[in-house]
Amino acid sequence: MLHLLYILAFTILAVIAVANLIRNLVMFSFDRERTYSPKSSLASNGYSGSRKQFVPHPELLDDSGKLIKEPLLVMRSINVEDARQQLDALFEASPGQKSDVQEEK
């Protein structure tokens, strides 16, 4: 009998946790789409605070300066030799590489 009570309690807690997760995800997506104007936002003391205007990061802009609305993580396939050449070029161009070579001589 105690096992059934434990399973029932765990099931209820799991359902509450999943429902809370889904609710938070939905509220987060609605909150991201909402735009806030500086005039409508009030500070805690009732006066309008001086808020900065939203300035997007340059990587979030396309060539014409408009905000990108597509996924930013795009992976292209690369073979092992190309990756190894790129890593070797980065390693040889690093500032610590030149001093290490001079110390070994």
PDB file of N, CA and C in Angstrom:
ATOM      1  N   MET A   1       0.826  -1.195   0.000  1.00  0.00           N
ATOM      2  CA  MET A   1       0.000   0.000   0.000  1.00  0.00           C
ATOM      3  C   MET A   1       0.874   1.265   0.000  1.00  0.00           C
ATOM      4  N   LEU A   2       1.953   1.203   0.732  1.00  0.00           N
ATOM      5  CA  LEU A   2       2.839   2.360   0.802  1.00  0.00           C
ATOM      6  C   LEU A   2       3.506   2.611  -0.553  1.00  0.00           C
ATOM      7  N   HIS A   3       3.781   1.563  -1.298  1.00  0.00           N
ATOM      8  CA  HIS A   3       4.385   1.710  -2.613  1.00  0.00           C
ATOM      9  C   HIS A   3       3.435   2.422  -3.569  1.00  0.00           C
ATOM     10  N   LEU A   4       2.169   2.084  -3.518  1.00  0.00           N
ATOM     11  CA  LEU A   4       1.185   2.749  -4.378  1.00  0.00           C
ATOM     12  C   LEU A   4       1.053   4.228  -4.033  1.00  0.00           C
ATOM     13  N   LEU A   5       1.102   4.536  -2.759  1.00  0.00           N
ATOM     14  CA  LEU A   5       1.036   5.939  -2.338  1.00  0.00           C
ATOM     15  C   LEU A   5       2.271   6.705  -2.827  1.00  0.00           C
ATOM     16  N   TYR A   6       3.438   6.080  -2.761  1.00  0.00           N
ATOM     17  CA  TYR A   6       4.671   6.693  -3.252  1.00  0.00           C
ATOM     18  C   TYR A   6       4.595   6.927  -4.759  1.00  0.00           C
ATOM     19  N   ILE A   7       4.124   5.942  -5.518  1.00  0.00           N
ATOM     20  CA  ILE A   7       3.997   6.081  -6.967  1.00  0.00           C
ATOM     21  C   ILE A   7       3.000   7.174  -7.316  1.00  0.00           C
ATOM     22  N   LEU A   8       1.889   7.237  -6.607  1.00  0.00           N
ATOM     23  CA  LEU A   8       0.876   8.276  -6.854  1.00  0.00           C
ATOM     24  C   LEU A   8       1.440   9.670  -6.561  1.00  0.00           C
ATOM     25  N   ALA A   9       2.151   9.817  -5.456  1.00  0.00           N
ATOM     26  CA  ALA A   9       2.729  11.120  -5.105  1.00  0.00           C
ATOM     27  C   ALA A   9       3.781  11.537  -6.130  1.00  0.00           C
ATOM     28  N   PHE A  10       4.620  10.602  -6.543  1.00  0.00           N
ATOM     29  CA  PHE A  10       5.642  10.919  -7.530  1.00  0.00           C
ATOM     30  C   PHE A  10       5.008  11.296  -8.861  1.00  0.00           C
ATOM     31  N   THR A  11       3.949  10.609  -9.261  1.00  0.00           N
ATOM     32  CA  THR A  11       3.263  10.916 -10.518  1.00  0.00           C
ATOM     33  C   THR A  11       2.647  12.306 -10.468  1.00  0.00           C
ATOM     34  N   ILE A  12       2.035  12.652  -9.361  1.00  0.00           N
ATOM     35  CA  ILE A  12       1.435  13.989  -9.224  1.00  0.00           C
ATOM     36  C   ILE A  12       2.514  15.062  -9.291  1.00  0.00           C
ATOM     37  N   LEU A  13       3.634  14.851  -8.604  1.00  0.00           N
ATOM     38  CA  LEU A  13       4.729  15.830  -8.654  1.00  0.00           C
ATOM     39  C   LEU A  13       5.318  15.950 -10.051  1.00  0.00           C
ATOM     40  N   ALA A  14       5.437  14.831 -10.762  1.00  0.00           N
ATOM     41  CA  ALA A  14       5.978  14.867 -12.118  1.00  0.00           C
ATOM     42  C   ALA A  14       5.041  15.618 -13.057  1.00  0.00           C
ATOM     43  N   VAL A  15       3.740  15.405 -12.918  1.00  0.00           N
ATOM     44  CA  VAL A  15       2.773  16.118 -13.759  1.00  0.00           C
ATOM     45  C   VAL A  15       2.823  17.617 -13.465  1.00  0.00           C
ATOM     46  N   ILE A  16       2.917  17.982 -12.212  1.00  0.00           N
ATOM     47  CA  ILE A  16       3.004  19.408 -11.849  1.00  0.00           C
ATOM     48  C   ILE A  16       4.284  20.018 -12.422  1.00  0.00           C
ATOM     49  N   ALA A  17       5.400  19.298 -12.345  1.00  0.00           N
ATOM     50  CA  ALA A  17       6.671  19.821 -12.860  1.00  0.00           C
ATOM     51  C   ALA A  17       6.615  20.008 -14.369  1.00  0.00           C
ATOM     52  N   VAL A  18       6.067  19.038 -15.088  1.00  0.00           N
ATOM     53  CA  VAL A  18       5.986  19.151 -16.547  1.00  0.00           C
ATOM     54  C   VAL A  18       5.034  20.275 -16.941  1.00  0.00           C
ATOM     55  N   ALA A  19       3.904  20.396 -16.242  1.00  0.00           N
ATOM     56  CA  ALA A  19       2.963  21.483 -16.537  1.00  0.00           C
ATOM     57  C   ALA A  19       3.605  22.841 -16.284  1.00  0.00           C
ATOM     58  N   ASN A  20       4.377  22.957 -15.223  1.00  0.00           N
ATOM     59  CA  ASN A  20       5.071  24.208 -14.918  1.00  0.00           C
ATOM     60  C   ASN A  20       6.116  24.522 -15.984  1.00  0.00           C
ATOM     61  N   LEU A  21       6.829  23.503 -16.453  1.00  0.00           N
ATOM     62  CA  LEU A  21       7.824  23.695 -17.506  1.00  0.00           C
ATOM     63  C   LEU A  21       7.176  24.191 -18.791  1.00  0.00           C
ATOM     64  N   ILE A  22       6.079  23.570 -19.176  1.00  0.00           N
ATOM     65  CA  ILE A  22       5.387  23.985 -20.400  1.00  0.00           C
ATOM     66  C   ILE A  22       4.842  25.400 -20.256  1.00  0.00           C
ATOM     67  N   ARG A  23       4.274  25.715 -19.100  1.00  0.00           N
ATOM     68  CA  ARG A  23       3.740  27.060 -18.875  1.00  0.00           C
ATOM     69  C   ARG A  23       4.850  28.105 -18.945  1.00  0.00           C
ATOM     70  N   ASN A  24       6.008  27.807 -18.353  1.00  0.00           N
ATOM     71  CA  ASN A  24       7.128  28.758 -18.402  1.00  0.00           C
ATOM     72  C   ASN A  24       7.651  28.949 -19.816  1.00  0.00           C
ATOM     73  N   LEU A  25       7.712  27.877 -20.592  1.00  0.00           N
ATOM     74  CA  LEU A  25       8.169  28.002 -21.974  1.00  0.00           C
ATOM     75  C   LEU A  25       7.212  28.852 -22.803  1.00  0.00           C
ATOM     76  N   VAL A  26       5.924  28.664 -22.605  1.00  0.00           N
ATOM     77  CA  VAL A  26       4.938  29.451 -23.344  1.00  0.00           C
ATOM     78  C   VAL A  26       5.016  30.917 -22.936  1.00  0.00           C
ATOM     79  N   MET A  27       5.116  31.189 -21.649  1.00  0.00           N
ATOM     80  CA  MET A  27       5.196  32.579 -21.189  1.00  0.00           C
ATOM     81  C   MET A  27       6.495  33.235 -21.657  1.00  0.00           C
ATOM     82  N   PHE A  28       7.579  32.467 -21.705  1.00  0.00           N
ATOM     83  CA  PHE A  28       8.840  33.008 -22.183  1.00  0.00           C
ATOM     84  C   PHE A  28       8.752  33.364 -23.663  1.00  0.00           C
ATOM     85  N   SER A  29       8.096  32.538 -24.455  1.00  0.00           N
ATOM     86  CA  SER A  29       7.988  32.837 -25.885  1.00  0.00           C
ATOM     87  C   SER A  29       7.103  34.058 -26.116  1.00  0.00           C
ATOM     88  N   PHE A  30       6.044  34.213 -25.330  1.00  0.00           N
ATOM     89  CA  PHE A  30       5.204  35.406 -25.464  1.00  0.00           C
ATOM     90  C   PHE A  30       5.970  36.653 -25.027  1.00  0.00           C
ATOM     91  N   ASP A  31       6.780  36.525 -23.991  1.00  0.00           N
ATOM     92  CA  ASP A  31       7.525  37.672 -23.489  1.00  0.00           C
ATOM     93  C   ASP A  31       8.603  38.119 -24.464  1.00  0.00           C
ATOM     94  N   ARG A  32       9.190  37.200 -25.216  1.00  0.00           N
ATOM     95  CA  ARG A  32      10.216  37.573 -26.200  1.00  0.00           C
ATOM     96  C   ARG A  32       9.631  38.333 -27.373  1.00  0.00           C
ATOM     97  N   GLU A  33       8.373  38.043 -27.735  1.00  0.00           N
ATOM     98  CA  GLU A  33       7.751  38.709 -28.870  1.00  0.00           C
ATOM     99  C   GLU A  33       7.231  40.098 -28.505  1.00  0.00           C
ATOM    100  N   ARG A  34       7.052  40.348 -27.245  1.00  0.00           N
ATOM    101  CA  ARG A  34       6.516  41.628 -26.800  1.00  0.00           C
ATOM    102  C   ARG A  34       7.599  42.695 -26.868  1.00  0.00           C
ATOM    103  N   THR A  35       7.235  43.876 -27.342  1.00  0.00           N
ATOM    104  CA  THR A  35       8.176  44.994 -27.372  1.00  0.00           C
ATOM    105  C   THR A  35       7.771  45.992 -26.296  1.00  0.00           C
ATOM    106  N   TYR A  36       8.730  46.545 -25.647  1.00  0.00           N
ATOM    107  CA  TYR A  36       8.490  47.492 -24.571  1.00  0.00           C
ATOM    108  C   TYR A  36       8.946  48.877 -25.016  1.00  0.00           C
ATOM    109  N   SER A  37       8.108  49.851 -24.822  1.00  0.00           N
ATOM    110  CA  SER A  37       8.505  51.219 -25.124  1.00  0.00           C
ATOM    111  C   SER A  37       9.007  51.862 -23.839  1.00  0.00           C
ATOM    112  N   PRO A  38       9.996  52.738 -23.927  1.00  0.00           N
ATOM    113  CA  PRO A  38      10.552  53.343 -22.724  1.00  0.00           C
ATOM    114  C   PRO A  38       9.541  54.199 -21.962  1.00  0.00           C
ATOM    115  N   LYS A  39       8.548  54.775 -22.650  1.00  0.00           N
ATOM    116  CA  LYS A  39       7.582  55.628 -21.971  1.00  0.00           C
ATOM    117  C   LYS A  39       6.609  54.829 -21.113  1.00  0.00           C
ATOM    118  N   SER A  40       6.311  53.604 -21.504  1.00  0.00           N
ATOM    119  CA  SER A  40       5.345  52.820 -20.754  1.00  0.00           C
ATOM    120  C   SER A  40       5.968  52.121 -19.554  1.00  0.00           C
ATOM    121  N   SER A  41       7.277  52.038 -19.500  1.00  0.00           N
ATOM    122  CA  SER A  41       7.912  51.360 -18.371  1.00  0.00           C
ATOM    123  C   SER A  41       8.152  52.369 -17.255  1.00  0.00           C
ATOM    124  N   LEU A  42       7.742  51.986 -16.079  1.00  0.00           N
ATOM    125  CA  LEU A  42       7.922  52.853 -14.925  1.00  0.00           C
ATOM    126  C   LEU A  42       8.860  52.188 -13.936  1.00  0.00           C
ATOM    127  N   ALA A  43       9.658  53.000 -13.284  1.00  0.00           N
ATOM    128  CA  ALA A  43      10.559  52.470 -12.267  1.00  0.00           C
ATOM    129  C   ALA A  43       9.754  52.120 -11.022  1.00  0.00           C
ATOM    130  N   SER A  44      10.403  51.537 -10.028  1.00  0.00           N
ATOM    131  CA  SER A  44       9.698  51.096  -8.827  1.00  0.00           C
ATOM    132  C   SER A  44       9.149  52.272  -8.020  1.00  0.00           C
ATOM    133  N   ASN A  45       9.724  53.449  -8.171  1.00  0.00           N
ATOM    134  CA  ASN A  45       9.232  54.600  -7.438  1.00  0.00           C
ATOM    135  C   ASN A  45       8.131  55.343  -8.188  1.00  0.00           C
ATOM    136  N   GLY A  46       7.695  54.869  -9.342  1.00  0.00           N
ATOM    137  CA  GLY A  46       6.602  55.487 -10.063  1.00  0.00           C
ATOM    138  C   GLY A  46       7.050  56.441 -11.147  1.00  0.00           C
ATOM    139  N   TYR A  47       8.305  56.806 -11.158  1.00  0.00           N
ATOM    140  CA  TYR A  47       8.812  57.710 -12.178  1.00  0.00           C
ATOM    141  C   TYR A  47       9.381  56.906 -13.327  1.00  0.00           C
ATOM    142  N   SER A  48       9.295  57.466 -14.507  1.00  0.00           N
ATOM    143  CA  SER A  48       9.841  56.733 -15.648  1.00  0.00           C
ATOM    144  C   SER A  48      11.355  56.780 -15.583  1.00  0.00           C
ATOM    145  N   GLY A  49      11.956  55.609 -15.663  1.00  0.00           N
ATOM    146  CA  GLY A  49      13.409  55.507 -15.592  1.00  0.00           C
ATOM    147  C   GLY A  49      14.033  55.790 -16.939  1.00  0.00           C
ATOM    148  N   SER A  50      15.289  56.146 -16.925  1.00  0.00           N
ATOM    149  CA  SER A  50      15.981  56.372 -18.190  1.00  0.00           C
ATOM    150  C   SER A  50      16.515  55.036 -18.677  1.00  0.00           C
ATOM    151  N   ARG A  51      15.850  54.489 -19.683  1.00  0.00           N
ATOM    152  CA  ARG A  51      16.252  53.194 -20.232  1.00  0.00           C
ATOM    153  C   ARG A  51      16.920  53.413 -21.573  1.00  0.00           C
ATOM    154  N   LYS A  52      17.914  52.595 -21.834  1.00  0.00           N
ATOM    155  CA  LYS A  52      18.593  52.686 -23.115  1.00  0.00           C
ATOM    156  C   LYS A  52      17.727  52.076 -24.199  1.00  0.00           C
ATOM    157  N   GLN A  53      17.876  52.582 -25.389  1.00  0.00           N
ATOM    158  CA  GLN A  53      17.178  52.006 -26.523  1.00  0.00           C
ATOM    159  C   GLN A  53      17.865  50.699 -26.905  1.00  0.00           C
ATOM    160  N   PHE A  54      17.079  49.709 -27.317  1.00  0.00           N
ATOM    161  CA  PHE A  54      17.611  48.401 -27.669  1.00  0.00           C
ATOM    162  C   PHE A  54      18.517  48.521 -28.881  1.00  0.00           C
ATOM    163  N   VAL A  55      19.778  48.133 -28.702  1.00  0.00           N
ATOM    164  CA  VAL A  55      20.753  48.133 -29.792  1.00  0.00           C
ATOM    165  C   VAL A  55      21.199  46.688 -29.976  1.00  0.00           C
ATOM    166  N   PRO A  56      20.855  46.073 -31.102  1.00  0.00           N
ATOM    167  CA  PRO A  56      21.226  44.664 -31.288  1.00  0.00           C
ATOM    168  C   PRO A  56      22.721  44.505 -31.533  1.00  0.00           C
ATOM    169  N   HIS A  57      23.202  43.343 -31.213  1.00  0.00           N
ATOM    170  CA  HIS A  57      24.601  43.009 -31.456  1.00  0.00           C
ATOM    171  C   HIS A  57      24.843  42.960 -32.968  1.00  0.00           C
ATOM    172  N   PRO A  58      26.009  43.401 -33.442  1.00  0.00           N
ATOM    173  CA  PRO A  58      26.262  43.415 -34.892  1.00  0.00           C
ATOM    174  C   PRO A  58      26.129  42.053 -35.567  1.00  0.00           C
ATOM    175  N   GLU A  59      26.375  40.962 -34.846  1.00  0.00           N
ATOM    176  CA  GLU A  59      26.236  39.642 -35.450  1.00  0.00           C
ATOM    177  C   GLU A  59      24.779  39.272 -35.692  1.00  0.00           C
ATOM    178  N   LEU A  60      23.845  40.001 -35.069  1.00  0.00           N
ATOM    179  CA  LEU A  60      22.426  39.727 -35.266  1.00  0.00           C
ATOM    180  C   LEU A  60      21.846  40.501 -36.439  1.00  0.00           C
ATOM    181  N   LEU A  61      22.682  41.265 -37.142  1.00  0.00           N
ATOM    182  CA  LEU A  61      22.223  42.068 -38.265  1.00  0.00           C
ATOM    183  C   LEU A  61      22.729  41.468 -39.571  1.00  0.00           C
ATOM    184  N   ASP A  62      21.925  41.606 -40.626  1.00  0.00           N
ATOM    185  CA  ASP A  62      22.378  41.135 -41.932  1.00  0.00           C
ATOM    186  C   ASP A  62      23.167  42.239 -42.630  1.00  0.00           C
ATOM    187  N   ASP A  63      23.482  42.047 -43.911  1.00  0.00           N
ATOM    188  CA  ASP A  63      24.310  43.006 -44.639  1.00  0.00           C
ATOM    189  C   ASP A  63      23.657  44.373 -44.770  1.00  0.00           C
ATOM    190  N   SER A  64      22.327  44.422 -44.826  1.00  0.00           N
ATOM    191  CA  SER A  64      21.634  45.702 -44.970  1.00  0.00           C
ATOM    192  C   SER A  64      21.330  46.362 -43.632  1.00  0.00           C
ATOM    193  N   GLY A  65      21.684  45.724 -42.510  1.00  0.00           N
ATOM    194  CA  GLY A  65      21.484  46.316 -41.195  1.00  0.00           C
ATOM    195  C   GLY A  65      20.165  45.948 -40.554  1.00  0.00           C
ATOM    196  N   LYS A  66      19.434  45.007 -41.121  1.00  0.00           N
ATOM    197  CA  LYS A  66      18.155  44.586 -40.548  1.00  0.00           C
ATOM    198  C   LYS A  66      18.383  43.404 -39.610  1.00  0.00           C
ATOM    199  N   LEU A  67      17.504  43.282 -38.610  1.00  0.00           N
ATOM    200  CA  LEU A  67      17.602  42.221 -37.633  1.00  0.00           C
ATOM    201  C   LEU A  67      17.308  40.867 -38.278  1.00  0.00           C
ATOM    202  N   ILE A  68      18.127  39.862 -37.967  1.00  0.00           N
ATOM    203  CA  ILE A  68      17.960  38.520 -38.528  1.00  0.00           C
ATOM    204  C   ILE A  68      16.887  37.790 -37.731  1.00  0.00           C
ATOM    205  N   LYS A  69      15.936  37.190 -38.425  1.00  0.00           N
ATOM    206  CA  LYS A  69      14.861  36.440 -37.775  1.00  0.00           C
ATOM    207  C   LYS A  69      14.967  34.948 -38.037  1.00  0.00           C
ATOM    208  N   GLU A  70      16.140  34.439 -38.322  1.00  0.00           N
ATOM    209  CA  GLU A  70      16.324  33.029 -38.614  1.00  0.00           C
ATOM    210  C   GLU A  70      17.323  32.443 -37.625  1.00  0.00           C
ATOM    211  N   PRO A  71      17.416  31.140 -37.538  1.00  0.00           N
ATOM    212  CA  PRO A  71      18.361  30.531 -36.595  1.00  0.00           C
ATOM    213  C   PRO A  71      19.796  30.955 -36.889  1.00  0.00           C
ATOM    214  N   LEU A  72      20.561  31.184 -35.827  1.00  0.00           N
ATOM    215  CA  LEU A  72      21.925  31.671 -35.994  1.00  0.00           C
ATOM    216  C   LEU A  72      22.954  30.549 -36.023  1.00  0.00           C
ATOM    217  N   LEU A  73      22.603  29.390 -35.516  1.00  0.00           N
ATOM    218  CA  LEU A  73      23.553  28.290 -35.498  1.00  0.00           C
ATOM    219  C   LEU A  73      23.372  27.464 -36.764  1.00  0.00           C
ATOM    220  N   VAL A  74      24.287  27.645 -37.681  1.00  0.00           N
ATOM    221  CA  VAL A  74      24.275  26.883 -38.921  1.00  0.00           C
ATOM    222  C   VAL A  74      25.625  26.194 -39.031  1.00  0.00           C
ATOM    223  N   MET A  75      25.594  24.897 -39.108  1.00  0.00           N
ATOM    224  CA  MET A  75      26.842  24.138 -39.181  1.00  0.00           C
ATOM    225  C   MET A  75      27.005  23.595 -40.586  1.00  0.00           C
ATOM    226  N   ARG A  76      28.164  23.804 -41.139  1.00  0.00           N
ATOM    227  CA  ARG A  76      28.436  23.241 -42.450  1.00  0.00           C
ATOM    228  C   ARG A  76      29.405  22.087 -42.261  1.00  0.00           C
ATOM    229  N   SER A  77      29.288  21.131 -43.110  1.00  0.00           N
ATOM    230  CA  SER A  77      30.167  19.966 -42.970  1.00  0.00           C
ATOM    231  C   SER A  77      31.548  20.312 -43.512  1.00  0.00           C
ATOM    232  N   ILE A  78      32.549  19.782 -42.860  1.00  0.00           N
ATOM    233  CA  ILE A  78      33.923  20.033 -43.244  1.00  0.00           C
ATOM    234  C   ILE A  78      34.681  18.726 -43.018  1.00  0.00           C
ATOM    235  N   ASN A  79      35.610  18.441 -43.897  1.00  0.00           N
ATOM    236  CA  ASN A  79      36.335  17.179 -43.709  1.00  0.00           C
ATOM    237  C   ASN A  79      37.461  17.373 -42.695  1.00  0.00           C
ATOM    238  N   VAL A  80      38.044  16.281 -42.279  1.00  0.00           N
ATOM    239  CA  VAL A  80      39.022  16.295 -41.204  1.00  0.00           C
ATOM    240  C   VAL A  80      40.295  17.044 -41.607  1.00  0.00           C
ATOM    241  N   GLU A  81      40.722  16.910 -42.839  1.00  0.00           N
ATOM    242  CA  GLU A  81      41.956  17.575 -43.273  1.00  0.00           C
ATOM    243  C   GLU A  81      41.804  19.096 -43.271  1.00  0.00           C
ATOM    244  N   ASP A  82      40.651  19.600 -43.745  1.00  0.00           N
ATOM    245  CA  ASP A  82      40.429  21.047 -43.721  1.00  0.00           C
ATOM    246  C   ASP A  82      40.398  21.567 -42.288  1.00  0.00           C
ATOM    247  N   ALA A  83      39.742  20.832 -41.411  1.00  0.00           N
ATOM    248  CA  ALA A  83      39.686  21.253 -40.007  1.00  0.00           C
ATOM    249  C   ALA A  83      41.071  21.250 -39.394  1.00  0.00           C
ATOM    250  N   ARG A  84      41.878  20.241 -39.709  1.00  0.00           N
ATOM    251  CA  ARG A  84      43.233  20.159 -39.169  1.00  0.00           C
ATOM    252  C   ARG A  84      44.099  21.307 -39.687  1.00  0.00           C
ATOM    253  N   GLN A  85      43.957  21.669 -40.958  1.00  0.00           N
ATOM    254  CA  GLN A  85      44.724  22.786 -41.513  1.00  0.00           C
ATOM    255  C   GLN A  85      44.321  24.106 -40.858  1.00  0.00           C
ATOM    256  N   GLN A  86      43.037  24.283 -40.639  1.00  0.00           N
ATOM    257  CA  GLN A  86      42.588  25.519 -39.991  1.00  0.00           C
ATOM    258  C   GLN A  86      43.097  25.600 -38.551  1.00  0.00           C
ATOM    259  N   LEU A  87      43.048  24.490 -37.829  1.00  0.00           N
ATOM    260  CA  LEU A  87      43.553  24.497 -36.456  1.00  0.00           C
ATOM    261  C   LEU A  87      45.062  24.713 -36.412  1.00  0.00           C
ATOM    262  N   ASP A  88      45.791  24.118 -37.339  1.00  0.00           N
ATOM    263  CA  ASP A  88      47.235  24.340 -37.397  1.00  0.00           C
ATOM    264  C   ASP A  88      47.556  25.797 -37.700  1.00  0.00           C
ATOM    265  N   ALA A  89      46.797  26.411 -38.607  1.00  0.00           N
ATOM    266  CA  ALA A  89      47.027  27.823 -38.933  1.00  0.00           C
ATOM    267  C   ALA A  89      46.739  28.710 -37.731  1.00  0.00           C
ATOM    268  N   LEU A  90      45.687  28.400 -36.974  1.00  0.00           N
ATOM    269  CA  LEU A  90      45.389  29.172 -35.763  1.00  0.00           C
ATOM    270  C   LEU A  90      46.484  28.991 -34.722  1.00  0.00           C
ATOM    271  N   PHE A  91      46.967  27.755 -34.578  1.00  0.00           N
ATOM    272  CA  PHE A  91      48.007  27.488 -33.593  1.00  0.00           C
ATOM    273  C   PHE A  91      49.305  28.203 -33.946  1.00  0.00           C
ATOM    274  N   GLU A  92      49.663  28.185 -35.209  1.00  0.00           N
ATOM    275  CA  GLU A  92      50.905  28.835 -35.624  1.00  0.00           C
ATOM    276  C   GLU A  92      50.802  30.357 -35.570  1.00  0.00           C
ATOM    277  N   ALA A  93      49.589  30.898 -35.693  1.00  0.00           N
ATOM    278  CA  ALA A  93      49.405  32.345 -35.640  1.00  0.00           C
ATOM    279  C   ALA A  93      49.254  32.861 -34.220  1.00  0.00           C
ATOM    280  N   SER A  94      49.153  31.972 -33.243  1.00  0.00           N
ATOM    281  CA  SER A  94      48.953  32.418 -31.865  1.00  0.00           C
ATOM    282  C   SER A  94      50.218  33.078 -31.335  1.00  0.00           C
ATOM    283  N   PRO A  95      50.076  34.079 -30.452  1.00  0.00           N
ATOM    284  CA  PRO A  95      51.244  34.808 -29.950  1.00  0.00           C
ATOM    285  C   PRO A  95      52.187  33.934 -29.126  1.00  0.00           C
ATOM    286  N   GLY A  96      51.680  32.965 -28.388  1.00  0.00           N
ATOM    287  CA  GLY A  96      52.535  32.128 -27.555  1.00  0.00           C
ATOM    288  C   GLY A  96      53.359  31.153 -28.356  1.00  0.00           C
ATOM    289  N   GLN A  97      52.986  30.876 -29.570  1.00  0.00           N
ATOM    290  CA  GLN A  97      53.690  29.892 -30.402  1.00  0.00           C
ATOM    291  C   GLN A  97      55.100  30.369 -30.731  1.00  0.00           C
ATOM    292  N   LYS A  98      55.285  31.626 -31.072  1.00  0.00           N
ATOM    293  CA  LYS A  98      56.600  32.130 -31.481  1.00  0.00           C
ATOM    294  C   LYS A  98      57.580  32.118 -30.311  1.00  0.00           C
ATOM    295  N   SER A  99      57.110  32.468 -29.112  1.00  0.00           N
ATOM    296  CA  SER A  99      58.010  32.480 -27.951  1.00  0.00           C
ATOM    297  C   SER A  99      58.373  31.055 -27.537  1.00  0.00           C
ATOM    298  N   ASP A 100      57.459  30.096 -27.706  1.00  0.00           N
ATOM    299  CA  ASP A 100      57.770  28.710 -27.372  1.00  0.00           C
ATOM    300  C   ASP A 100      58.843  28.146 -28.292  1.00  0.00           C
ATOM    301  N   VAL A 101      58.792  28.484 -29.567  1.00  0.00           N
ATOM    302  CA  VAL A 101      59.778  27.990 -30.524  1.00  0.00           C
ATOM    303  C   VAL A 101      61.157  28.568 -30.211  1.00  0.00           C
ATOM    304  N   GLN A 102      61.194  29.850 -29.833  1.00  0.00           N
ATOM    305  CA  GLN A 102      62.471  30.471 -29.528  1.00  0.00           C
ATOM    306  C   GLN A 102      63.085  29.896 -28.252  1.00  0.00           C
ATOM    307  N   GLU A 103      62.252  29.539 -27.263  1.00  0.00           N
ATOM    308  CA  GLU A 103      62.764  28.977 -26.022  1.00  0.00           C
ATOM    309  C   GLU A 103      63.340  27.592 -26.226  1.00  0.00           C
ATOM    310  N   GLU A 104      62.781  26.807 -27.174  1.00  0.00           N
ATOM    311  CA  GLU A 104      63.244  25.461 -27.389  1.00  0.00           C
ATOM    312  C   GLU A 104      64.603  25.442 -28.081  1.00  0.00           C
ATOM    313  N   LYS A 105      64.967  26.470 -28.849  1.00  0.00           N
ATOM    314  CA  LYS A 105      66.245  26.483 -29.578  1.00  0.00           C
ATOM    315  C   LYS A 105      67.397  26.742 -28.709  1.00  0.00           C
TER     316      LYS A 105
END
